[in-house]
Amino acid sequence: MTTQLHSQQPEPVQSLQTYVAILHRRRTLIVLAGGVLLGLSLAAAFLWPATYKSMATILIEEQEIPSELVHSTITSYADQRIETIKQQVMSRTTLWKVVEQYNLYADLRRTNPAEEVVKRFTKDIAVEVISADVVDKRTQHPTKATIAFTVAYQSNSPDLAQKVANELTSLFLGENLKSRERQAQEATSFLQQEAENLSKHIGEVDEKIAQFKHRASGALPELMPLNLQLMSQSDRELTDIDQQIRSLEERKNYLEGELATIKPNTPIMSVTGERILDSAERLRGLRAEYAGASANRSPDHPDIMKMKQEIEALEKETGQPPEIEEATKQLIDARASLATFSERLGKDHPDVVQARRKIEALEQEVRQLGSVPLRKPMLRPENPAYINLQAQLNSATSSLNALRATRAAVKQRLQDYAARLERTPEMEPDYLFLTRDRDTSGQKYQDIRSRLLEAKVSEGLEVQRKGERSSLIDPPSLPEKPDKPNRPAIVLLGFILALAGGIGSGAAAESLDHSIRTPEQLVRLTQLSPLAVIPFMPNEQDLSRAVKRRRLLKGAGVGALVTILALLHVFVVPLDVLWFAALRRFGIE
């Protein structure tokens, strides 16, 4: 029954007097817990070694020449390039050189390997990008763009922090220049190599096409309309030649018939009725006259020389050399005449002497003619009508032979054109493959050449520092105050933690203490009302302990205040400076 009543009794509402009583009762624990936490916070705030941070700001400037005139070969975003440069600068080799140059982390280097030192160095370096809201020129949409970045280094020494930050800034700027130049040169080199490869490939394809054309012998697909036209033209030309040949054959047959009815050697008579000698007859007459005259005159006689020149001219005209038969006949006649003259006139008669000389001349001529090979004499026609028909027949025959040769050539061309047209479909696939390869390679080559020229201009842009560049707008400065720790924040946080810890410890102690201190607690426990309440009456010992406790608390408070002021004077700001700053703040000089 008592248990039920106890469980049914509601919890009383705590009043402000109750909390004040708890605070007064647990004041020692609250002060001690809060004091310990505050002391630890103050120790952490003022004993934590100061860390100084030196930072440089690097601005990313756009290229001076508009991008519409000169396109850069470096198309990556700024934050990507910054990250790439960061990885290159913060490599183990580069950072270790800086560590050795400035003798960083001497204590750590004595007890740890180089990898741990580099990790610590990397942790102390901070690279942050600075972005701004811009409008994209290509899409015209708002976006964020990296316009600058910072390079910072933190160290226990402000001078060392500034020097190392300067060195890191120089490395970032130098690596940015080298990286941009290297990328531009690599782009130019790549395009140059591609252009050379394409040029070589185009040369090989051109050589294959030339060999293919030589092997095709005009049977190319692109020449098919021309071959058809030439074939049609040759066919018409062959028809015309056949018609001309038939006409000439008919004329030749007619002229041969006419020529067969006419005698070639009909004498030619003059107006007076005398026969006109031709060149051959005049040549024979002169030779007979020359043989007779040479017997009476010397070879140097003008008449003999004149006749000799006329004979040579007629021989050239007629093409007939002296005939040995005629000279032999004249020699026989001369010998017969000499025998007749010798019997009738005597040996010493002038006619006999002349006959002997003629015989000697003829014998000499016969000997000369005997050494010359005999040729068949040419019989030249004398009838003008015969000569005219003969000339027409020769012309017709010559024209007919020429037309037949032309017909054979035209027929051969016609066969060649037909063979080309038959071979064209077989050669078309290979030829189209080669020509397409040549056209595609040529277009690629022109594109690569234009890009190569742009890449060379872009490379010159980077070499002359006219492209996008990084400018140092805020060099690393000597830090005047530490970046870490934030002592006021630590003190404030320690004060809050001390207050919360003290109150929390008091509340915890009160909740764990089950002592009965008020009549209400006794009523809840026994379900009976007390008859009377007797207050606590301290004796002399209690009063003495209370006085000592108060003095101890006052001394602890004064000591804590002195400690705070001393730490503030040593680690934050001198008290005299703080005093004059406070007086100036309130307008007291």
Protein backbone atom coordinates (compact mmCIF):
# COMPACT_ATOMS: atom_id res chain seq x y z
CA MET A 1 0.00 0.00 0.00
CA THR A 2 2.84 2.35 0.83
CA THR A 3 4.57 1.54 -2.43
CA GLN A 4 1.45 2.33 -4.39
CA LEU A 5 1.03 5.62 -2.65
CA HIS A 6 4.66 6.45 -3.31
CA SER A 7 4.31 5.70 -6.97
CA GLN A 8 1.15 7.69 -7.22
CA GLN A 9 2.68 10.76 -5.54
CA PRO A 10 3.55 13.31 -8.31
CA GLU A 11 7.01 14.82 -8.56
CA PRO A 12 7.06 18.31 -7.06
CA VAL A 13 7.94 21.29 -9.19
CA GLN A 14 11.45 22.60 -8.45
CA SER A 15 11.45 26.25 -7.47
CA LEU A 16 14.19 28.85 -7.87
CA GLN A 17 14.97 28.56 -4.15
CA THR A 18 15.61 24.85 -4.66
CA TYR A 19 18.12 25.53 -7.44
CA VAL A 20 19.78 28.22 -5.35
CA ALA A 21 20.02 25.78 -2.45
CA ILE A 22 21.55 23.12 -4.73
CA LEU A 23 24.01 25.68 -6.07
CA HIS A 24 24.95 26.74 -2.56
CA ARG A 25 25.26 23.15 -1.44
CA ARG A 26 27.41 22.03 -4.41
CA ARG A 27 29.37 25.23 -4.84
CA THR A 28 32.69 23.61 -3.98
CA LEU A 29 32.36 20.87 -6.60
CA ILE A 30 31.12 23.34 -9.21
CA VAL A 31 33.99 25.72 -8.57
CA LEU A 32 36.59 22.94 -8.60
CA ALA A 33 35.28 21.30 -11.81
CA GLY A 34 34.89 24.66 -13.53
CA GLY A 35 38.28 25.80 -12.32
CA VAL A 36 39.99 22.66 -13.61
CA LEU A 37 38.37 22.96 -17.05
CA LEU A 38 39.11 26.66 -17.23
CA GLY A 39 42.69 26.05 -16.18
CA LEU A 40 43.12 23.38 -18.86
CA SER A 41 41.63 25.73 -21.47
CA LEU A 42 43.88 28.56 -20.43
CA ALA A 43 46.89 26.26 -20.49
CA ALA A 44 45.96 25.06 -23.98
CA ALA A 45 45.40 28.62 -25.17
CA PHE A 46 48.62 30.08 -23.86
CA LEU A 47 50.97 27.11 -23.90
CA TRP A 48 50.07 25.90 -27.42
CA PRO A 49 53.04 26.90 -29.69
CA ALA A 50 52.23 29.72 -32.07
CA THR A 51 52.02 28.85 -35.78
CA TYR A 52 52.64 31.64 -38.32
CA LYS A 53 51.21 31.57 -41.83
CA SER A 54 52.58 33.45 -44.82
CA MET A 55 50.38 33.53 -47.92
CA ALA A 56 50.77 34.74 -51.52
CA THR A 57 47.92 35.51 -53.94
CA ILE A 58 48.45 34.75 -57.64
CA LEU A 59 46.05 36.25 -60.18
CA ILE A 60 45.20 34.39 -63.40
CA GLU A 61 45.12 36.97 -66.20
CA GLU A 62 43.58 36.40 -69.61
CA GLN A 63 45.74 36.57 -72.73
CA GLU A 64 46.42 40.04 -74.08
CA ILE A 65 45.54 39.22 -77.71
CA PRO A 66 41.85 38.41 -78.22
CA SER A 67 41.12 34.71 -78.50
CA GLU A 68 39.14 35.38 -81.71
CA LEU A 69 42.43 36.33 -83.40
CA VAL A 70 44.78 33.79 -81.81
CA HIS A 71 43.50 30.55 -80.32
CA SER A 72 45.51 29.04 -77.49
CA THR A 73 46.40 25.35 -77.62
CA ILE A 74 45.92 25.12 -73.84
CA THR A 75 42.22 24.47 -73.40
CA SER A 76 42.06 23.03 -69.89
CA TYR A 77 40.36 24.95 -67.10
CA ALA A 78 42.34 27.03 -64.66
CA ASP A 79 41.55 24.86 -61.65
CA GLN A 80 42.71 21.78 -63.57
CA ARG A 81 46.00 23.45 -64.48
CA ILE A 82 46.46 24.62 -60.89
CA GLU A 83 45.93 21.07 -59.63
CA THR A 84 48.40 19.75 -62.22
CA ILE A 85 51.01 22.35 -61.25
CA LYS A 86 50.38 21.55 -57.59
CA GLN A 87 51.14 17.88 -58.15
CA GLN A 88 54.32 18.75 -60.07
CA VAL A 89 55.56 21.26 -57.49
CA MET A 90 54.65 19.11 -54.51
CA SER A 91 56.52 16.10 -55.75
CA ARG A 92 58.86 14.39 -53.32
CA THR A 93 62.03 15.51 -55.15
CA THR A 94 61.04 19.18 -55.29
CA LEU A 95 59.84 19.38 -51.70
CA TRP A 96 62.91 17.62 -50.35
CA LYS A 97 65.15 20.20 -52.06
CA VAL A 98 63.21 22.96 -50.28
CA VAL A 99 63.47 21.07 -46.96
CA GLU A 100 67.25 20.80 -47.32
CA GLN A 101 67.61 24.39 -48.55
CA TYR A 102 65.87 25.91 -45.50
CA ASN A 103 66.71 23.13 -43.00
CA LEU A 104 63.05 22.47 -42.22
CA TYR A 105 61.86 19.99 -39.56
CA ALA A 106 65.33 19.35 -38.20
CA ASP A 107 64.03 17.42 -35.18
CA LEU A 108 61.64 15.38 -37.28
CA ARG A 109 64.35 14.53 -39.83
CA ARG A 110 66.55 13.07 -37.10
CA THR A 111 63.95 10.59 -35.94
CA ASN A 112 61.76 9.87 -39.01
CA PRO A 113 62.31 8.83 -42.63
CA ALA A 114 62.15 11.29 -45.52
CA GLU A 115 58.61 10.21 -46.47
CA GLU A 116 57.26 11.35 -43.09
CA VAL A 117 59.06 14.68 -43.41
CA VAL A 118 57.61 15.24 -46.88
CA LYS A 119 54.14 14.34 -45.64
CA ARG A 120 54.49 16.89 -42.81
CA PHE A 121 55.74 19.50 -45.28
CA THR A 122 52.81 18.77 -47.62
CA LYS A 123 50.39 19.11 -44.71
CA ASP A 124 51.80 22.55 -43.85
CA ILE A 125 51.31 23.78 -47.44
CA ALA A 126 47.89 25.10 -48.42
CA VAL A 127 46.80 25.85 -52.01
CA GLU A 128 43.32 27.27 -52.43
CA VAL A 129 41.55 28.58 -55.51
CA ILE A 130 39.52 31.78 -55.62
CA SER A 131 36.41 31.65 -57.77
CA ALA A 132 34.05 34.34 -58.97
CA ASP A 133 30.67 34.42 -60.70
CA VAL A 134 31.16 35.12 -64.42
CA VAL A 135 29.21 34.68 -67.67
CA ASP A 136 30.46 31.95 -69.98
CA LYS A 137 31.34 33.48 -73.38
CA ARG A 138 30.36 30.32 -75.25
CA THR A 139 27.03 29.49 -73.58
CA GLN A 140 26.18 32.95 -72.16
CA HIS A 141 25.16 31.29 -68.89
CA PRO A 142 26.36 32.34 -65.44
CA THR A 143 28.99 30.08 -63.98
CA LYS A 144 31.90 30.08 -61.56
CA ALA A 145 35.41 30.62 -62.85
CA THR A 146 38.75 30.44 -61.10
CA ILE A 147 40.34 33.89 -61.20
CA ALA A 148 43.18 33.44 -58.68
CA PHE A 149 44.69 31.05 -56.18
CA THR A 150 46.68 31.33 -52.98
CA VAL A 151 49.82 29.55 -51.86
CA ALA A 152 50.45 29.50 -48.10
CA TYR A 153 52.89 27.88 -45.71
CA GLN A 154 52.71 27.71 -41.95
CA SER A 155 55.64 27.41 -39.56
CA ASN A 156 56.61 28.16 -35.99
CA SER A 157 58.93 30.92 -37.26
CA PRO A 158 57.45 33.92 -39.13
CA ASP A 159 60.69 34.51 -41.08
CA LEU A 160 60.88 30.89 -42.15
CA ALA A 161 57.21 30.90 -43.12
CA GLN A 162 57.79 33.93 -45.38
CA LYS A 163 60.91 32.47 -47.02
CA VAL A 164 59.36 29.09 -47.72
CA ALA A 165 56.17 30.74 -49.01
CA ASN A 166 58.32 32.86 -51.38
CA GLU A 167 60.11 29.74 -52.61
CA LEU A 168 56.84 27.88 -53.18
CA THR A 169 55.36 30.87 -55.02
CA SER A 170 58.40 31.02 -57.31
CA LEU A 171 58.07 27.29 -57.98
CA PHE A 172 54.38 27.64 -58.85
CA LEU A 173 54.98 30.60 -61.19
CA GLY A 174 57.97 28.95 -62.86
CA GLU A 175 56.22 25.63 -63.27
CA ASN A 176 53.19 27.39 -64.75
CA LEU A 177 55.35 29.03 -67.43
CA LYS A 178 57.23 25.83 -68.20
CA SER A 179 54.02 23.82 -68.26
CA ARG A 180 52.32 26.18 -70.72
CA GLU A 181 55.36 26.35 -72.99
CA ARG A 182 55.75 22.58 -72.83
CA GLN A 183 52.11 22.00 -73.71
CA ALA A 184 52.30 24.46 -76.61
CA GLN A 185 55.52 22.85 -77.91
CA GLU A 186 54.07 19.36 -77.55
CA ALA A 187 50.99 20.42 -79.51
CA THR A 188 53.17 21.90 -82.27
CA SER A 189 55.42 18.85 -82.34
CA PHE A 190 52.46 16.50 -82.49
CA LEU A 191 50.82 18.39 -85.34
CA GLN A 192 54.16 18.60 -87.18
CA GLN A 193 54.61 14.84 -86.89
CA GLU A 194 51.05 14.22 -88.02
CA ALA A 195 51.54 16.54 -91.01
CA GLU A 196 54.72 14.70 -92.00
CA ASN A 197 53.01 11.32 -91.66
CA LEU A 198 50.07 12.49 -93.75
CA SER A 199 52.38 13.99 -96.36
CA LYS A 200 54.27 10.70 -96.57
CA HIS A 201 51.01 8.77 -96.82
CA ILE A 202 49.72 11.10 -99.55
CA GLY A 203 52.96 10.59 -101.47
CA GLU A 204 52.56 6.82 -101.22
CA VAL A 205 48.92 7.01 -102.34
CA ASP A 206 49.87 9.30 -105.26
CA GLU A 207 52.51 6.80 -106.32
CA LYS A 208 49.96 3.97 -106.13
CA ILE A 209 47.48 6.02 -108.17
CA ALA A 210 50.17 6.77 -110.77
CA GLN A 211 51.04 3.09 -111.03
CA PHE A 212 47.36 2.20 -111.22
CA LYS A 213 46.79 4.72 -114.03
CA HIS A 214 49.80 3.39 -115.91
CA ARG A 215 48.51 -0.16 -115.47
CA ALA A 216 44.96 0.85 -116.43
CA SER A 217 46.10 2.41 -119.76
CA GLY A 218 43.16 4.81 -119.93
CA ALA A 219 40.53 2.41 -118.49
CA LEU A 220 39.81 4.69 -115.53
CA PRO A 221 36.24 5.28 -114.32
CA GLU A 222 36.66 9.03 -114.64
CA LEU A 223 37.62 8.57 -118.33
CA MET A 224 34.61 6.40 -119.17
CA PRO A 225 32.54 9.27 -120.73
CA LEU A 226 35.59 10.35 -122.73
CA ASN A 227 36.23 6.78 -123.89
CA LEU A 228 32.60 6.45 -124.98
CA GLN A 229 32.83 9.74 -126.88
CA LEU A 230 36.12 8.77 -128.52
CA MET A 231 34.76 5.34 -129.38
CA SER A 232 31.73 6.87 -131.06
CA GLN A 233 33.94 9.36 -132.87
CA SER A 234 36.29 6.59 -134.04
CA ASP A 235 33.32 4.56 -135.25
CA ARG A 236 32.08 7.48 -137.35
CA GLU A 237 35.61 8.13 -138.58
CA LEU A 238 35.97 4.46 -139.59
CA THR A 239 32.70 4.63 -141.54
CA ASP A 240 33.91 7.76 -143.38
CA ILE A 241 37.27 6.14 -144.18
CA ASP A 242 35.57 3.03 -145.56
CA GLN A 243 33.47 5.21 -147.83
CA GLN A 244 36.56 7.12 -149.02
CA ILE A 245 38.42 3.85 -149.63
CA ARG A 246 35.58 2.56 -151.77
CA SER A 247 35.57 5.78 -153.76
CA LEU A 248 39.36 5.68 -154.28
CA GLU A 249 39.27 2.01 -155.30
CA GLU A 250 36.65 2.82 -157.92
CA ARG A 251 38.76 5.74 -159.21
CA LYS A 252 41.90 3.59 -159.24
CA ASN A 253 40.17 0.93 -161.30
CA TYR A 254 38.95 3.56 -163.71
CA LEU A 255 42.43 5.15 -164.08
CA GLU A 256 44.07 1.75 -164.61
CA GLY A 257 41.55 1.03 -167.39
CA GLU A 258 42.18 4.37 -169.03
CA LEU A 259 45.95 3.98 -168.72
CA ALA A 260 45.86 0.59 -170.42
CA THR A 261 44.39 2.15 -173.59
CA ILE A 262 47.18 4.76 -174.04
CA LYS A 263 50.74 4.13 -175.31
CA PRO A 264 53.44 5.63 -173.07
CA ASN A 265 56.06 6.39 -175.77
CA THR A 266 54.14 8.28 -178.45
CA PRO A 267 56.54 10.77 -180.13
CA ILE A 268 56.18 14.41 -179.34
CA MET A 269 56.19 16.70 -182.38
CA SER A 270 56.87 20.43 -182.47
CA VAL A 271 54.88 23.05 -184.37
CA THR A 272 57.22 22.77 -187.37
CA GLY A 273 56.76 19.03 -187.48
CA GLU A 274 60.15 18.12 -186.01
CA ARG A 275 60.42 15.57 -183.23
CA ILE A 276 61.26 16.97 -179.80
CA LEU A 277 64.00 14.99 -178.09
CA ASP A 278 63.73 14.23 -174.42
CA SER A 279 66.60 14.37 -171.95
CA ALA A 280 67.60 10.73 -172.40
CA GLU A 281 67.85 11.08 -176.20
CA ARG A 282 69.80 14.32 -175.84
CA LEU A 283 72.13 12.53 -173.41
CA ARG A 284 72.81 9.75 -175.95
CA GLY A 285 73.44 12.27 -178.71
CA LEU A 286 75.86 14.27 -176.57
CA ARG A 287 77.74 11.13 -175.60
CA ALA A 288 78.21 10.21 -179.29
CA GLU A 289 79.24 13.75 -180.13
CA TYR A 290 81.62 13.80 -177.14
CA ALA A 291 83.26 10.58 -178.29
CA GLY A 292 83.91 12.06 -181.74
CA ALA A 293 85.06 15.44 -180.48
CA SER A 294 87.41 14.00 -177.87
CA ALA A 295 89.33 12.31 -180.70
CA ASN A 296 90.13 15.65 -182.33
CA ARG A 297 90.45 17.92 -179.29
CA SER A 298 92.30 17.82 -176.04
CA PRO A 299 90.41 17.27 -172.68
CA ASP A 300 91.02 20.92 -171.76
CA HIS A 301 89.36 22.27 -174.87
CA PRO A 302 86.43 24.54 -174.05
CA ASP A 303 84.03 22.59 -176.30
CA ILE A 304 85.06 19.31 -174.70
CA MET A 305 84.60 20.73 -171.18
CA LYS A 306 81.21 22.24 -172.13
CA MET A 307 79.94 18.93 -173.56
CA LYS A 308 81.24 17.12 -170.51
CA GLN A 309 79.32 19.48 -168.17
CA GLU A 310 76.12 19.06 -170.23
CA ILE A 311 76.47 15.28 -170.09
CA GLU A 312 76.89 15.36 -166.28
CA ALA A 313 73.86 17.62 -165.94
CA LEU A 314 71.71 15.33 -168.12
CA GLU A 315 72.93 12.29 -166.21
CA LYS A 316 71.84 13.91 -162.95
CA GLU A 317 68.51 14.91 -164.53
CA THR A 318 67.73 11.53 -166.03
CA GLY A 319 69.54 9.43 -163.49
CA GLN A 320 71.15 7.39 -166.32
CA PRO A 321 74.93 6.86 -166.14
CA PRO A 322 76.88 6.10 -169.36
CA GLU A 323 75.95 2.72 -170.83
CA ILE A 324 78.81 0.27 -171.54
CA GLU A 325 76.90 -1.38 -174.43
CA GLU A 326 76.62 1.88 -176.31
CA ALA A 327 80.27 2.73 -175.69
CA THR A 328 81.30 -0.77 -176.85
CA LYS A 329 79.17 -0.41 -179.99
CA GLN A 330 80.79 2.96 -180.76
CA LEU A 331 84.22 1.38 -180.16
CA ILE A 332 83.47 -1.39 -182.69
CA ASP A 333 82.23 1.15 -185.24
CA ALA A 334 85.36 3.28 -184.66
CA ARG A 335 87.67 0.29 -185.20
CA ALA A 336 85.85 -0.64 -188.41
CA SER A 337 86.17 2.92 -189.70
CA LEU A 338 89.93 2.90 -188.80
CA ALA A 339 90.48 -0.26 -190.84
CA THR A 340 88.65 1.24 -193.82
CA PHE A 341 90.57 4.53 -193.58
CA SER A 342 93.92 2.76 -193.18
CA GLU A 343 93.46 0.66 -196.34
CA ARG A 344 92.21 3.56 -198.38
CA LEU A 345 94.18 6.57 -197.04
CA GLY A 346 97.22 5.15 -195.36
CA LYS A 347 98.46 5.10 -191.78
CA ASP A 348 99.68 8.65 -191.60
CA HIS A 349 96.58 10.31 -192.97
CA PRO A 350 94.97 12.82 -190.51
CA ASP A 351 91.63 10.98 -190.60
CA VAL A 352 93.40 7.77 -189.64
CA VAL A 353 95.16 9.54 -186.75
CA GLN A 354 91.85 11.03 -185.60
CA ALA A 355 90.19 7.62 -185.76
CA ARG A 356 92.96 6.13 -183.63
CA ARG A 357 92.49 8.87 -180.97
CA LYS A 358 88.73 8.24 -180.96
CA ILE A 359 89.36 4.52 -180.49
CA GLU A 360 91.71 5.28 -177.56
CA ALA A 361 89.07 7.54 -175.93
CA LEU A 362 86.37 4.93 -176.41
CA GLU A 363 88.61 2.18 -175.02
CA GLN A 364 89.29 4.34 -171.95
CA GLU A 365 85.57 5.02 -171.54
CA VAL A 366 84.77 1.31 -171.88
CA ARG A 367 87.34 0.48 -169.19
CA GLN A 368 85.84 3.10 -166.86
CA LEU A 369 82.30 1.88 -167.48
CA GLY A 370 83.38 -1.71 -166.86
CA SER A 371 84.14 -0.93 -163.22
CA VAL A 372 80.62 0.59 -162.67
CA PRO A 373 77.77 -1.91 -161.90
CA LEU A 374 75.14 -2.09 -164.60
CA ARG A 375 71.71 -0.69 -163.92
CA LYS A 376 68.56 -1.28 -165.80
CA PRO A 377 67.78 1.71 -167.92
CA MET A 378 64.73 3.65 -167.01
CA LEU A 379 62.16 3.98 -169.76
CA ARG A 380 60.34 7.21 -169.24
CA PRO A 381 56.99 7.68 -170.95
CA GLU A 382 56.70 10.50 -173.45
CA ASN A 383 52.91 10.68 -173.95
CA PRO A 384 51.46 13.64 -171.93
CA ALA A 385 48.07 11.96 -171.57
CA TYR A 386 49.75 8.81 -170.31
CA ILE A 387 51.88 10.82 -167.93
CA ASN A 388 48.78 12.66 -166.63
CA LEU A 389 46.83 9.45 -166.04
CA GLN A 390 49.90 7.84 -164.47
CA ALA A 391 50.22 10.76 -162.06
CA GLN A 392 46.51 10.54 -161.15
CA LEU A 393 46.83 6.79 -160.67
CA ASN A 394 49.88 7.23 -158.43
CA SER A 395 48.06 9.86 -156.38
CA ALA A 396 45.01 7.64 -156.02
CA THR A 397 47.17 4.68 -155.05
CA SER A 398 49.08 6.75 -152.49
CA SER A 399 45.86 8.16 -151.03
CA LEU A 400 44.37 4.66 -150.94
CA ASN A 401 47.39 3.28 -149.07
CA ALA A 402 47.26 6.18 -146.63
CA LEU A 403 43.55 5.65 -146.03
CA ARG A 404 44.07 1.94 -145.47
CA ALA A 405 46.83 2.70 -142.93
CA THR A 406 44.56 5.27 -141.30
CA ARG A 407 41.70 2.76 -141.25
CA ALA A 408 43.92 0.19 -139.53
CA ALA A 409 44.96 2.79 -136.95
CA VAL A 410 41.36 3.91 -136.36
CA LYS A 411 40.19 0.32 -136.06
CA GLN A 412 42.96 -0.36 -133.55
CA ARG A 413 41.89 2.71 -131.55
CA LEU A 414 38.30 1.52 -131.65
CA GLN A 415 39.37 -1.83 -130.28
CA ASP A 416 41.44 -0.12 -127.59
CA TYR A 417 38.48 2.04 -126.50
CA ALA A 418 36.21 -1.03 -126.38
CA ALA A 419 38.81 -2.89 -124.28
CA ARG A 420 39.06 0.10 -121.92
CA LEU A 421 35.30 0.19 -121.45
CA GLU A 422 35.29 -3.54 -120.71
CA ARG A 423 38.07 -3.19 -118.10
CA THR A 424 36.62 -0.11 -116.40
CA PRO A 425 34.12 -1.94 -114.10
CA GLU A 426 36.87 -4.28 -112.90
CA MET A 427 39.22 -1.45 -111.99
CA GLU A 428 36.62 0.93 -110.55
CA PRO A 429 36.55 -0.41 -106.92
CA ASP A 430 40.33 -0.26 -106.45
CA TYR A 431 40.58 3.12 -108.13
CA LEU A 432 37.73 4.59 -106.07
CA PHE A 433 39.37 3.27 -102.88
CA LEU A 434 42.66 4.98 -103.79
CA THR A 435 41.03 8.26 -104.82
CA ARG A 436 38.88 8.41 -101.69
CA ASP A 437 41.92 7.70 -99.55
CA ARG A 438 43.78 10.47 -101.40
CA ASP A 439 40.93 12.97 -101.00
CA THR A 440 40.42 12.14 -97.32
CA SER A 441 44.15 12.32 -96.61
CA GLY A 442 44.39 15.60 -98.51
CA GLN A 443 41.57 17.15 -96.48
CA LYS A 444 43.14 15.91 -93.26
CA TYR A 445 46.51 17.27 -94.35
CA GLN A 446 45.07 20.71 -95.08
CA ASP A 447 43.27 20.69 -91.74
CA ILE A 448 46.43 19.60 -89.91
CA ARG A 449 48.49 22.25 -91.72
CA SER A 450 46.06 25.00 -90.73
CA ARG A 451 46.05 23.77 -87.15
CA LEU A 452 49.83 23.54 -87.21
CA LEU A 453 50.07 27.20 -88.23
CA GLU A 454 47.68 28.12 -85.42
CA ALA A 455 49.72 26.02 -82.98
CA LYS A 456 52.93 27.78 -84.02
CA VAL A 457 51.27 31.15 -83.47
CA SER A 458 50.00 29.94 -80.09
CA GLU A 459 53.49 28.71 -79.21
CA GLY A 460 54.88 32.15 -80.03
CA LEU A 461 52.13 33.61 -77.85
CA GLU A 462 53.30 31.51 -74.89
CA VAL A 463 57.01 32.12 -75.51
CA GLN A 464 56.49 35.89 -75.67
CA ARG A 465 54.32 35.81 -72.50
CA LYS A 466 51.30 37.19 -74.35
CA GLY A 467 48.93 34.36 -73.46
CA GLU A 468 47.16 33.59 -70.22
CA ARG A 469 49.60 34.10 -67.37
CA SER A 470 49.79 34.08 -63.61
CA SER A 471 50.73 37.34 -61.91
CA LEU A 472 51.79 37.73 -58.29
CA ILE A 473 49.53 40.45 -56.90
CA ASP A 474 50.14 39.82 -53.19
CA PRO A 475 53.60 38.46 -52.34
CA PRO A 476 54.18 36.54 -49.12
CA SER A 477 54.49 38.95 -46.21
CA LEU A 478 56.10 38.58 -42.82
CA PRO A 479 53.26 37.47 -40.48
CA GLU A 480 52.93 39.80 -37.47
CA LYS A 481 50.63 37.58 -35.43
CA PRO A 482 50.21 33.84 -35.29
CA ASP A 483 47.56 32.14 -37.38
CA LYS A 484 47.19 29.36 -34.82
CA PRO A 485 46.01 28.95 -32.15
CA ASN A 486 43.11 31.36 -31.83
CA ARG A 487 43.69 32.14 -28.17
CA PRO A 488 40.58 34.29 -27.51
CA ALA A 489 38.36 31.63 -29.04
CA ILE A 490 40.03 28.91 -26.96
CA VAL A 491 39.65 31.01 -23.77
CA LEU A 492 36.00 31.70 -24.56
CA LEU A 493 35.36 28.07 -25.36
CA GLY A 494 37.19 27.07 -22.15
CA PHE A 495 35.07 29.47 -20.12
CA ILE A 496 31.90 28.01 -21.60
CA LEU A 497 33.13 24.47 -21.02
CA ALA A 498 34.14 25.37 -17.43
CA LEU A 499 30.71 26.82 -16.74
CA ALA A 500 28.92 23.88 -18.28
CA GLY A 501 31.24 21.37 -16.62
CA GLY A 502 30.85 22.92 -13.19
CA ILE A 503 27.06 23.06 -13.42
CA GLY A 504 26.94 19.59 -14.90
CA SER A 505 29.14 18.11 -12.17
CA GLY A 506 26.96 19.75 -9.51
CA ALA A 507 23.79 18.45 -11.13
CA ALA A 508 25.28 14.96 -11.40
CA ALA A 509 26.36 14.97 -7.75
CA GLU A 510 22.91 16.17 -6.69
CA SER A 511 21.15 13.47 -8.69
CA LEU A 512 23.36 10.78 -7.16
CA ASP A 513 22.85 12.06 -3.58
CA HIS A 514 19.70 10.48 -1.96
CA SER A 515 19.90 12.44 1.34
CA ILE A 516 16.64 13.94 2.78
CA ARG A 517 17.04 17.67 3.08
CA THR A 518 13.50 19.09 2.98
CA PRO A 519 10.14 18.23 4.65
CA GLU A 520 8.66 17.53 1.27
CA GLN A 521 11.20 14.77 0.63
CA LEU A 522 10.30 13.24 4.02
CA VAL A 523 6.56 13.37 3.22
CA ARG A 524 7.14 11.68 -0.18
CA LEU A 525 9.19 8.99 1.47
CA THR A 526 7.11 8.20 4.61
CA GLN A 527 3.66 9.46 3.53
CA LEU A 528 3.51 11.17 6.92
CA SER A 529 3.69 14.85 7.74
CA PRO A 530 6.43 15.89 10.20
CA LEU A 531 5.40 17.43 13.51
CA ALA A 532 8.05 20.17 13.40
CA VAL A 533 11.03 21.35 11.32
CA ILE A 534 14.22 22.17 13.21
CA PRO A 535 16.72 24.31 11.18
CA PHE A 536 20.49 23.54 11.03
CA MET A 537 22.36 25.33 13.81
CA PRO A 538 26.16 25.52 13.08
CA ASN A 539 28.61 25.37 15.94
CA GLU A 540 31.98 27.12 16.24
CA GLN A 541 33.82 24.45 14.23
CA ASP A 542 31.37 24.78 11.38
CA LEU A 543 31.75 28.54 11.36
CA SER A 544 35.55 28.21 11.41
CA ARG A 545 35.51 25.82 8.47
CA ALA A 546 33.21 28.16 6.57
CA VAL A 547 35.54 31.13 7.13
CA LYS A 548 38.55 29.11 5.99
CA ARG A 549 36.64 27.97 2.95
CA ARG A 550 35.74 31.53 2.01
CA ARG A 551 39.35 32.67 2.40
CA LEU A 552 40.55 29.76 0.29
CA LEU A 553 38.07 30.59 -2.46
CA LYS A 554 39.03 34.25 -2.39
CA GLY A 555 42.71 33.34 -2.61
CA ALA A 556 42.06 30.95 -5.47
CA GLY A 557 40.08 33.63 -7.29
CA VAL A 558 42.82 36.20 -6.83
CA GLY A 559 45.46 33.67 -7.94
CA ALA A 560 43.46 32.75 -11.02
CA LEU A 561 43.04 36.44 -11.88
CA VAL A 562 46.75 37.07 -11.46
CA THR A 563 47.55 34.00 -13.57
CA ILE A 564 45.18 35.15 -16.33
CA LEU A 565 46.67 38.65 -16.33
CA ALA A 566 50.22 37.23 -16.43
CA LEU A 567 49.42 34.91 -19.31
CA LEU A 568 47.65 37.75 -21.10
CA HIS A 569 50.68 40.00 -20.59
CA VAL A 570 53.14 37.36 -21.82
CA PHE A 571 51.33 35.65 -24.65
CA VAL A 572 48.69 38.07 -25.94
CA VAL A 573 49.40 41.74 -25.34
CA PRO A 574 51.33 43.63 -22.66
CA LEU A 575 49.13 44.98 -19.87
CA ASP A 576 50.41 48.53 -20.24
CA VAL A 577 49.49 48.51 -23.92
CA LEU A 578 46.11 47.07 -23.03
CA TRP A 579 45.63 49.72 -20.32
CA PHE A 580 46.45 52.64 -22.62
CA ALA A 581 44.29 51.13 -25.37
CA ALA A 582 41.38 50.93 -22.93
CA LEU A 583 41.90 54.51 -21.77
CA ARG A 584 42.01 55.68 -25.42
CA ARG A 585 38.87 53.73 -26.14
CA PHE A 586 36.98 55.54 -23.39
CA GLY A 587 38.43 58.90 -24.35
CA ILE A 588 40.69 59.24 -21.31
CA GLU A 589 44.18 60.54 -22.06
